[in-house]
C-alpha atoms as a PDB file:
ATOM      1  CA  UNK A   1     127.135 182.989  68.754  1.00  0.00           C
ATOM      2  CA  UNK A   2     127.419 185.813  66.198  1.00  0.00           C
ATOM      3  CA  UNK A   3     129.659 188.200  68.575  1.00  0.00           C
ATOM      4  CA  UNK A   4     131.887 185.070  69.013  1.00  0.00           C
ATOM      5  CA  UNK A   5     131.321 184.525  65.210  1.00  0.00           C
ATOM      6  CA  UNK A   6     133.265 187.615  64.346  1.00  0.00           C
ATOM      7  CA  UNK A   7     135.300 187.865  66.451  1.00  0.00           C
ATOM      8  CA  UNK A   8     137.955 184.618  65.376  1.00  0.00           C
ATOM      9  CA  UNK A   9     137.006 186.021  61.946  1.00  0.00           C
ATOM     10  CA  UNK A  10     138.896 189.688  63.691  1.00  0.00           C
ATOM     11  CA  UNK A  11     142.282 187.432  65.129  1.00  0.00           C
ATOM     12  CA  UNK A  12     142.543 185.640  61.405  1.00  0.00           C
ATOM     13  CA  UNK A  13     142.794 188.346  59.499  1.00  0.00           C
ATOM     14  CA  UNK A  14     144.794 189.834  61.697  1.00  0.00           C
ATOM     15  CA  UNK A  15     146.706 186.206  62.373  1.00  0.00           C
ATOM     16  CA  UNK A  16     149.570 187.546  59.426  1.00  0.00           C
ATOM     17  CA  UNK A  17     150.380 190.412  61.270  1.00  0.00           C
ATOM     18  CA  UNK A  18     151.150 188.684  64.820  1.00  0.00           C
ATOM     19  CA  UNK A  19     155.056 189.528  65.634  1.00  0.00           C
ATOM     20  CA  UNK A  20     157.665 191.953  66.769  1.00  0.00           C
ATOM     21  CA  UNK A  21     159.463 194.357  64.620  1.00  0.00           C
ATOM     22  CA  UNK A  22     162.227 196.293  65.729  1.00  0.00           C
ATOM     23  CA  UNK A  23     164.615 199.100  63.617  1.00  0.00           C
ATOM     24  CA  UNK A  24     167.867 200.247  65.523  1.00  0.00           C
ATOM     25  CA  UNK A  25     167.426 203.510  67.168  1.00  0.00           C
ATOM     26  CA  UNK A  26     163.239 202.334  67.550  1.00  0.00           C
ATOM     27  CA  UNK A  27     163.527 199.617  69.395  1.00  0.00           C
ATOM     28  CA  UNK A  28     160.939 197.110  69.634  1.00  0.00           C
ATOM     29  CA  UNK A  29     157.488 197.302  67.872  1.00  0.00           C
ATOM     30  CA  UNK A  30     155.319 193.863  69.265  1.00  0.00           C
ATOM     31  CA  UNK A  31     152.094 192.611  67.953  1.00  0.00           C
ATOM     32  CA  UNK A  32     150.218 189.775  69.522  1.00  0.00           C
ATOM     33  CA  UNK A  33     147.006 188.258  69.206  1.00  0.00           C
ATOM     34  CA  UNK A  34     144.647 187.981  71.985  1.00  0.00           C
ATOM     35  CA  UNK A  35     141.313 186.589  72.407  1.00  0.00           C
ATOM     36  CA  UNK A  36     139.280 188.442  70.309  1.00  0.00           C
ATOM     37  CA  UNK A  37     141.635 190.761  68.499  1.00  0.00           C
ATOM     38  CA  UNK A  38     145.715 192.108  69.039  1.00  0.00           C
ATOM     39  CA  UNK A  39     147.283 194.589  71.381  1.00  0.00           C
ATOM     40  CA  UNK A  40     150.631 196.729  70.930  1.00  0.00           C
ATOM     41  CA  UNK A  41     153.700 197.393  72.544  1.00  0.00           C
ATOM     42  CA  UNK A  42     156.622 199.800  72.041  1.00  0.00           C
ATOM     43  CA  UNK A  43     158.907 200.479  74.932  1.00  0.00           C
ATOM     44  CA  UNK A  44     156.428 201.910  76.972  1.00  0.00           C
ATOM     45  CA  UNK A  45     153.277 202.450  74.815  1.00  0.00           C
ATOM     46  CA  UNK A  46     151.249 199.875  74.835  1.00  0.00           C
ATOM     47  CA  UNK A  47     147.146 199.215  73.042  1.00  0.00           C
ATOM     48  CA  UNK A  48     144.932 197.762  70.985  1.00  0.00           C
ATOM     49  CA  UNK A  49     145.306 196.935  67.349  1.00  0.00           C
ATOM     50  CA  UNK A  50     141.996 198.189  64.607  1.00  0.00           C
ATOM     51  CA  UNK A  51     141.813 196.897  61.265  1.00  0.00           C
ATOM     52  CA  UNK A  52     142.088 199.825  59.225  1.00  0.00           C
ATOM     53  CA  UNK A  53     142.522 198.534  55.545  1.00  0.00           C
ATOM     54  CA  UNK A  54     143.734 194.812  54.580  1.00  0.00           C
ATOM     55  CA  UNK A  55     143.497 195.662  51.059  1.00  0.00           C
ATOM     56  CA  UNK A  56     146.746 197.567  51.305  1.00  0.00           C
ATOM     57  CA  UNK A  57     147.902 195.289  54.236  1.00  0.00           C
ATOM     58  CA  UNK A  58     147.045 198.439  56.741  1.00  0.00           C
ATOM     59  CA  UNK A  59     146.273 198.341  60.811  1.00  0.00           C
ATOM     60  CA  UNK A  60     145.437 202.098  63.317  1.00  0.00           C
ATOM     61  CA  UNK A  61     146.662 202.183  66.973  1.00  0.00           C
ATOM     62  CA  UNK A  62     145.861 205.000  68.910  1.00  0.00           C
ATOM     63  CA  UNK A  63     149.037 205.977  69.257  1.00  0.00           C
ATOM     64  CA  UNK A  64     150.405 208.254  72.278  1.00  0.00           C
ATOM     65  CA  UNK A  65     147.417 210.091  72.423  1.00  0.00           C
ATOM     66  CA  UNK A  66     147.114 210.061  67.971  1.00  0.00           C
ATOM     67  CA  UNK A  67     145.827 207.777  65.318  1.00  0.00           C
ATOM     68  CA  UNK A  68     148.998 205.753  63.666  1.00  0.00           C
ATOM     69  CA  UNK A  69     148.811 203.841  60.687  1.00  0.00           C
ATOM     70  CA  UNK A  70     150.619 200.892  60.368  1.00  0.00           C
ATOM     71  CA  UNK A  71     151.381 200.238  56.643  1.00  0.00           C
ATOM     72  CA  UNK A  72     153.590 196.828  56.740  1.00  0.00           C
ATOM     73  CA  UNK A  73     155.510 195.285  53.233  1.00  0.00           C
ATOM     74  CA  UNK A  74     155.158 192.121  52.050  1.00  0.00           C
ATOM     75  CA  UNK A  75     157.782 189.867  50.528  1.00  0.00           C
ATOM     76  CA  UNK A  76     157.825 188.278  47.658  1.00  0.00           C
ATOM     77  CA  UNK A  77     156.520 185.298  48.791  1.00  0.00           C
ATOM     78  CA  UNK A  78     153.927 186.773  50.011  1.00  0.00           C
ATOM     79  CA  UNK A  79     154.817 187.467  53.727  1.00  0.00           C
ATOM     80  CA  UNK A  80     154.627 190.216  56.207  1.00  0.00           C
ATOM     81  CA  UNK A  81     158.193 191.665  56.138  1.00  0.00           C
ATOM     82  CA  UNK A  82     158.007 194.190  57.388  1.00  0.00           C
ATOM     83  CA  UNK A  83     156.499 197.806  58.854  1.00  0.00           C
ATOM     84  CA  UNK A  84     155.825 201.718  58.700  1.00  0.00           C
ATOM     85  CA  UNK A  85     154.916 203.672  61.772  1.00  0.00           C
ATOM     86  CA  UNK A  86     155.077 207.039  61.782  1.00  0.00           C
ATOM     87  CA  UNK A  87     157.731 207.669  60.059  1.00  0.00           C
ATOM     88  CA  UNK A  88     160.414 205.064  61.130  1.00  0.00           C
ATOM     89  CA  UNK A  89     160.844 201.173  59.141  1.00  0.00           C
ATOM     90  CA  UNK A  90     160.548 198.071  60.468  1.00  0.00           C
ATOM     91  CA  UNK A  91     161.916 195.149  59.970  1.00  0.00           C
ATOM     92  CA  UNK A  92     159.729 191.906  61.225  1.00  0.00           C
ATOM     93  CA  UNK A  93     162.276 189.775  62.976  1.00  0.00           C
ATOM     94  CA  UNK A  94     163.385 186.568  61.368  1.00  0.00           C
ATOM     95  CA  UNK A  95     161.642 183.649  62.649  1.00  0.00           C
ATOM     96  CA  UNK A  96     158.562 186.634  64.407  1.00  0.00           C
ATOM     97  CA  UNK A  97     155.435 184.552  63.533  1.00  0.00           C
END
């Protein structure tokens, strides 16, 4: 069905961003692919991840009742290296993908 193809397309677009990111003082931020998209977990917070602007490597989450934009940096090999959420920069854990 068209909806199934759209969900698969969304999962494929989100796939490069999945993994675990962390920074001292901010804990672990985990992005997990699901059948229809992606979810996040950051401490006790959990929620759905939405595409915001893939051209700018940005995803959107509802963070404690407010919209927050996740902005990812890409290293010179074209691999996602870190994410910025609120004012925190979290590095992608080695081997995370």
